[in-house]
């Protein structure tokens, strides 16, 4: 049986001018059936 999950990653980077967010679907339980798919991505700038 293949397991699947949605994961969110956040990063501000070293310049601290905004934040990046990514939504990734990861499937599989072993190295042989592992896969990932980018579902969504956004960048939001901080107000100056």
N, C-alpha and C. Protein backbone atom coordinates (compact mmCIF):
# COMPACT_ATOMS: atom_id res chain seq x y z
N UNK A 1 0.84 -1.18 0.00
CA UNK A 1 0.00 0.00 0.00
C UNK A 1 0.89 1.24 0.00
N UNK A 2 0.59 2.20 -0.86
CA UNK A 2 1.33 3.45 -0.92
C UNK A 2 0.71 4.47 0.02
N UNK A 3 1.55 5.05 0.86
CA UNK A 3 1.08 6.10 1.76
C UNK A 3 1.33 7.45 1.10
N UNK A 4 0.51 8.44 1.45
CA UNK A 4 0.60 9.77 0.86
C UNK A 4 0.37 10.81 1.93
N UNK A 5 1.05 11.95 1.79
CA UNK A 5 0.84 13.04 2.74
C UNK A 5 1.13 14.37 2.08
N UNK A 6 0.49 15.41 2.58
CA UNK A 6 0.74 16.78 2.14
C UNK A 6 1.59 17.47 3.19
N UNK A 7 2.63 18.17 2.74
CA UNK A 7 3.56 18.83 3.64
C UNK A 7 3.78 20.26 3.20
N UNK A 8 3.86 21.16 4.18
CA UNK A 8 4.09 22.58 3.93
C UNK A 8 5.50 22.93 4.40
N UNK A 9 6.23 23.66 3.54
CA UNK A 9 7.54 24.16 3.91
C UNK A 9 7.53 25.68 3.86
N UNK A 10 8.16 26.32 4.84
CA UNK A 10 8.24 27.77 4.91
C UNK A 10 9.70 28.18 5.03
N UNK A 11 10.07 29.30 4.36
CA UNK A 11 11.43 29.79 4.44
C UNK A 11 11.44 31.30 4.28
N UNK A 12 12.20 31.98 5.12
CA UNK A 12 12.29 33.44 5.00
C UNK A 12 13.58 33.86 4.31
N UNK A 13 14.58 33.01 4.27
CA UNK A 13 15.85 33.36 3.66
C UNK A 13 16.65 34.31 4.54
N UNK A 14 17.86 34.62 4.10
CA UNK A 14 18.74 35.46 4.92
C UNK A 14 18.47 36.95 4.75
N UNK A 15 17.83 37.36 3.65
CA UNK A 15 17.57 38.78 3.44
C UNK A 15 16.35 39.28 4.20
N UNK A 16 15.51 38.37 4.68
CA UNK A 16 14.31 38.70 5.46
C UNK A 16 13.41 39.71 4.76
N UNK A 17 13.29 39.60 3.43
CA UNK A 17 12.43 40.51 2.67
C UNK A 17 11.07 39.91 2.34
N UNK A 18 10.85 38.66 2.72
CA UNK A 18 9.58 38.01 2.45
C UNK A 18 9.62 36.57 2.94
N UNK A 19 8.57 35.84 2.61
CA UNK A 19 8.48 34.44 3.01
C UNK A 19 8.02 33.62 1.82
N UNK A 20 8.63 32.45 1.66
CA UNK A 20 8.25 31.50 0.62
C UNK A 20 7.52 30.34 1.28
N UNK A 21 6.48 29.86 0.62
CA UNK A 21 5.75 28.70 1.11
C UNK A 21 5.55 27.71 -0.03
N UNK A 22 5.65 26.44 0.29
CA UNK A 22 5.48 25.39 -0.70
C UNK A 22 4.60 24.29 -0.11
N UNK A 23 3.75 23.72 -0.96
CA UNK A 23 2.92 22.58 -0.59
C UNK A 23 3.34 21.42 -1.48
N UNK A 24 3.78 20.32 -0.87
CA UNK A 24 4.30 19.17 -1.60
C UNK A 24 3.55 17.92 -1.18
N UNK A 25 3.18 17.10 -2.16
CA UNK A 25 2.59 15.79 -1.88
C UNK A 25 3.72 14.76 -1.98
N UNK A 26 3.90 14.00 -0.91
CA UNK A 26 4.91 12.95 -0.89
C UNK A 26 4.20 11.61 -0.77
N UNK A 27 4.59 10.66 -1.64
CA UNK A 27 3.99 9.34 -1.65
C UNK A 27 5.07 8.28 -1.55
N UNK A 28 4.70 7.14 -0.99
CA UNK A 28 5.60 6.00 -0.92
C UNK A 28 6.07 5.72 0.48
N UNK A 29 6.50 4.48 0.67
CA UNK A 29 7.01 4.06 1.98
C UNK A 29 8.43 3.53 1.89
N UNK A 30 8.91 3.30 0.68
CA UNK A 30 10.28 2.81 0.49
C UNK A 30 10.96 3.65 -0.58
N UNK A 31 12.26 3.50 -0.69
CA UNK A 31 13.02 4.23 -1.71
C UNK A 31 12.55 3.89 -3.12
N UNK A 32 12.11 2.67 -3.33
CA UNK A 32 11.69 2.23 -4.66
C UNK A 32 10.38 2.87 -5.13
N UNK A 33 9.47 3.17 -4.21
CA UNK A 33 8.18 3.74 -4.63
C UNK A 33 7.99 5.19 -4.17
N UNK A 34 9.07 5.85 -3.76
CA UNK A 34 9.02 7.24 -3.30
C UNK A 34 8.81 8.18 -4.48
N UNK A 35 7.92 9.17 -4.29
CA UNK A 35 7.74 10.23 -5.30
C UNK A 35 7.22 11.48 -4.60
N UNK A 36 7.42 12.61 -5.25
CA UNK A 36 6.89 13.86 -4.72
C UNK A 36 6.37 14.71 -5.87
N UNK A 37 5.42 15.59 -5.54
CA UNK A 37 4.82 16.47 -6.54
C UNK A 37 4.58 17.84 -5.91
N UNK A 38 5.04 18.87 -6.58
CA UNK A 38 4.81 20.24 -6.13
C UNK A 38 3.35 20.58 -6.41
N UNK A 39 2.59 20.85 -5.37
CA UNK A 39 1.17 21.17 -5.51
C UNK A 39 0.93 22.67 -5.60
N UNK A 40 1.70 23.47 -4.85
CA UNK A 40 1.51 24.93 -4.85
C UNK A 40 2.76 25.60 -4.30
N UNK A 41 2.96 26.85 -4.74
CA UNK A 41 4.10 27.64 -4.27
C UNK A 41 3.70 29.10 -4.28
N UNK A 42 4.13 29.85 -3.27
CA UNK A 42 3.87 31.29 -3.25
C UNK A 42 5.01 32.00 -2.54
N UNK A 43 5.21 33.24 -2.93
CA UNK A 43 6.16 34.13 -2.26
C UNK A 43 5.41 35.39 -1.87
N UNK A 44 5.56 35.80 -0.62
CA UNK A 44 4.91 37.01 -0.13
C UNK A 44 5.97 37.93 0.46
N UNK A 45 6.02 39.16 -0.05
CA UNK A 45 6.99 40.13 0.45
C UNK A 45 6.50 40.74 1.75
N UNK A 46 7.43 41.03 2.64
CA UNK A 46 7.11 41.75 3.87
C UNK A 46 6.88 43.22 3.53
N UNK A 47 5.99 43.87 4.26
CA UNK A 47 5.78 45.31 4.09
C UNK A 47 7.03 46.05 4.54
N UNK A 48 7.38 47.09 3.78
CA UNK A 48 8.57 47.89 4.13
C UNK A 48 8.24 48.91 5.18
